C-alpha atoms as a PDB file:
ATOM      1  CA  MET A   1     -10.755  14.873 -16.559  1.00  0.00           C
ATOM      2  CA  SER A   2      -9.046  12.445 -13.888  1.00  0.00           C
ATOM      3  CA  ARG A   3     -10.248   8.628 -14.005  1.00  0.00           C
ATOM      4  CA  THR A   4     -11.984   7.331 -10.795  1.00  0.00           C
ATOM      5  CA  VAL A   5     -12.086   4.033  -9.481  1.00  0.00           C
ATOM      6  CA  GLN A   6     -14.026   2.071  -6.978  1.00  0.00           C
ATOM      7  CA  CYS A   7     -11.635   1.957  -4.243  1.00  0.00           C
ATOM      8  CA  VAL A   8     -11.111  -1.110  -2.447  1.00  0.00           C
ATOM      9  CA  LEU A   9      -9.616   0.016   0.496  1.00  0.00           C
ATOM     10  CA  LEU A  10     -11.934   3.313   0.938  1.00  0.00           C
ATOM     11  CA  GLN A  11     -15.051   1.325  -0.179  1.00  0.00           C
ATOM     12  CA  ARG A  12     -15.942   4.081  -2.332  1.00  0.00           C
ATOM     13  CA  GLU A  13     -15.577   5.768  -5.947  1.00  0.00           C
ATOM     14  CA  ALA A  14     -12.578   8.184  -5.802  1.00  0.00           C
ATOM     15  CA  PRO A  15      -9.732   9.359  -8.191  1.00  0.00           C
ATOM     16  CA  GLY A  16      -7.647   6.995  -9.391  1.00  0.00           C
ATOM     17  CA  LEU A  17      -3.719   6.739  -9.735  1.00  0.00           C
ATOM     18  CA  ASP A  18      -2.382   8.254 -12.915  1.00  0.00           C
ATOM     19  CA  ASN A  19      -0.282   5.150 -13.824  1.00  0.00           C
ATOM     20  CA  SER A  20       0.584   1.745 -12.277  1.00  0.00           C
ATOM     21  CA  PRO A  21       2.585   2.319  -8.930  1.00  0.00           C
ATOM     22  CA  TYR A  22       3.971  -1.169  -9.151  1.00  0.00           C
ATOM     23  CA  PRO A  23       5.101  -3.580 -11.869  1.00  0.00           C
ATOM     24  CA  GLY A  24       3.608  -6.733 -13.049  1.00  0.00           C
ATOM     25  CA  GLU A  25       0.110  -8.206 -11.989  1.00  0.00           C
ATOM     26  CA  LEU A  26      -0.192  -6.565  -8.450  1.00  0.00           C
ATOM     27  CA  GLY A  27       0.734  -3.152  -9.967  1.00  0.00           C
ATOM     28  CA  GLN A  28      -1.897  -3.431 -12.518  1.00  0.00           C
ATOM     29  CA  ARG A  29      -4.523  -4.735  -9.931  1.00  0.00           C
ATOM     30  CA  ILE A  30      -3.612  -1.722  -7.842  1.00  0.00           C
ATOM     31  CA  PHE A  31      -3.994   0.930 -10.670  1.00  0.00           C
ATOM     32  CA  GLU A  32      -7.560  -0.539 -11.600  1.00  0.00           C
ATOM     33  CA  ASN A  33      -8.688  -0.924  -7.917  1.00  0.00           C
ATOM     34  CA  VAL A  34      -6.944   1.479  -5.608  1.00  0.00           C
ATOM     35  CA  SER A  35      -7.356   5.195  -5.461  1.00  0.00           C
ATOM     36  CA  ARG A  36      -4.859   8.150  -4.970  1.00  0.00           C
ATOM     37  CA  GLU A  37      -5.967   8.609  -1.339  1.00  0.00           C
ATOM     38  CA  ALA A  38      -5.712   4.955  -0.557  1.00  0.00           C
ATOM     39  CA  TRP A  39      -2.135   4.735  -2.133  1.00  0.00           C
ATOM     40  CA  GLN A  40      -1.182   7.523  -0.215  1.00  0.00           C
ATOM     41  CA  GLN A  41      -2.242   5.813   2.954  1.00  0.00           C
ATOM     42  CA  TRP A  42      -0.261   2.589   1.716  1.00  0.00           C
ATOM     43  CA  LEU A  43       2.817   4.917   1.243  1.00  0.00           C
ATOM     44  CA  GLY A  44       2.632   5.694   4.990  1.00  0.00           C
ATOM     45  CA  ARG A  45       2.386   2.036   6.123  1.00  0.00           C
ATOM     46  CA  GLN A  46       5.273   1.277   3.902  1.00  0.00           C
ATOM     47  CA  THR A  47       7.332   3.519   5.424  1.00  0.00           C
ATOM     48  CA  LEU A  48       6.521   2.499   9.255  1.00  0.00           C
ATOM     49  CA  LEU A  49       7.347  -1.006   8.108  1.00  0.00           C
ATOM     50  CA  ILE A  50      10.578  -0.096   6.623  1.00  0.00           C
ATOM     51  CA  ASN A  51      11.368   1.984   9.702  1.00  0.00           C
ATOM     52  CA  GLU A  52      10.123  -0.284  12.373  1.00  0.00           C
ATOM     53  CA  TYR A  53      11.520  -3.380  10.868  1.00  0.00           C
ATOM     54  CA  ARG A  54      14.672  -1.745   9.660  1.00  0.00           C
ATOM     55  CA  ILE A  55      14.182  -3.203   6.214  1.00  0.00           C
ATOM     56  CA  ASN A  56      16.586  -2.766   3.142  1.00  0.00           C
ATOM     57  CA  PRO A  57      14.427  -2.001   0.371  1.00  0.00           C
ATOM     58  CA  LEU A  58      17.253  -3.045  -1.838  1.00  0.00           C
ATOM     59  CA  ASP A  59      17.136  -6.565  -0.244  1.00  0.00           C
ATOM     60  CA  PRO A  60      15.321  -9.070  -2.452  1.00  0.00           C
ATOM     61  CA  LYS A  61      13.699 -10.701   0.978  1.00  0.00           C
ATOM     62  CA  SER A  62      12.706  -7.409   2.166  1.00  0.00           C
ATOM     63  CA  ARG A  63      11.016  -6.257  -1.216  1.00  0.00           C
ATOM     64  CA  LYS A  64       9.010  -9.742  -1.214  1.00  0.00           C
ATOM     65  CA  PHE A  65       7.884  -8.643   2.257  1.00  0.00           C
ATOM     66  CA  ILE A  66       6.575  -5.380   1.363  1.00  0.00           C
ATOM     67  CA  GLU A  67       4.816  -6.807  -1.693  1.00  0.00           C
ATOM     68  CA  GLU A  68       3.173  -9.149   0.495  1.00  0.00           C
ATOM     69  CA  GLU A  69       2.303  -6.429   2.944  1.00  0.00           C
ATOM     70  CA  MET A  70       0.871  -4.217   0.081  1.00  0.00           C
ATOM     71  CA  GLU A  71      -1.226  -7.140  -1.101  1.00  0.00           C
ATOM     72  CA  SER A  72      -2.583  -7.701   2.116  1.00  0.00           C
ATOM     73  CA  PHE A  73      -3.098  -4.297   2.773  1.00  0.00           C
ATOM     74  CA  PHE A  74      -5.418  -3.542  -0.336  1.00  0.00           C
ATOM     75  CA  PHE A  75      -6.866  -6.963  -1.123  1.00  0.00           C
ATOM     76  CA  GLY A  76      -6.091  -9.113   2.372  1.00  0.00           C
ATOM     77  CA  GLY A  77      -7.886  -6.931   4.776  1.00  0.00           C
ATOM     78  CA  ASP A  78      -5.208  -8.461   7.193  1.00  0.00           C
ATOM     79  CA  SER A  79      -2.159  -6.150   7.217  1.00  0.00           C
ATOM     80  CA  LYS A  80      -1.325  -4.682  10.838  1.00  0.00           C
ATOM     81  CA  PRO A  81       1.367  -2.314  11.814  1.00  0.00           C
ATOM     82  CA  PRO A  82       4.146  -3.941  13.669  1.00  0.00           C
ATOM     83  CA  PRO A  83       2.925  -5.303  17.243  1.00  0.00           C
ATOM     84  CA  GLU A  84       5.734  -3.146  18.771  1.00  0.00           C
ATOM     85  CA  PHE A  85       4.531   0.095  17.275  1.00  0.00           C
ATOM     86  CA  VAL A  86       3.074   2.564  19.381  1.00  0.00           C
ATOM     87  CA  PRO A  87       1.791   5.720  17.588  1.00  0.00           C
ATOM     88  CA  SER A  88       2.862   9.118  18.582  1.00  0.00           C
ATOM     89  CA  ASP A  89       0.279  11.405  20.425  1.00  0.00           C
ATOM     90  CA  SER A  90       1.407  14.052  17.953  1.00  0.00           C
END
């Protein structure tokens, strides 16, 4: 039986993640409060940020930026796509 969480992003109960997707305290908060569906939404946002800002995930400054955006996306409510980003019509 899969576990459910009260998802902070979706604002409803939904299937939770199988394990912590990120190390440390932030990963534990995500595990306890974020659904699988919301995590998939984050992965899309993360890809967008990496591509739009041409981020190198191996760079410590870039990893810190991504971590800050992840926390904002789930818990801060003020994460936005890059200002230059224009969604495609497809």
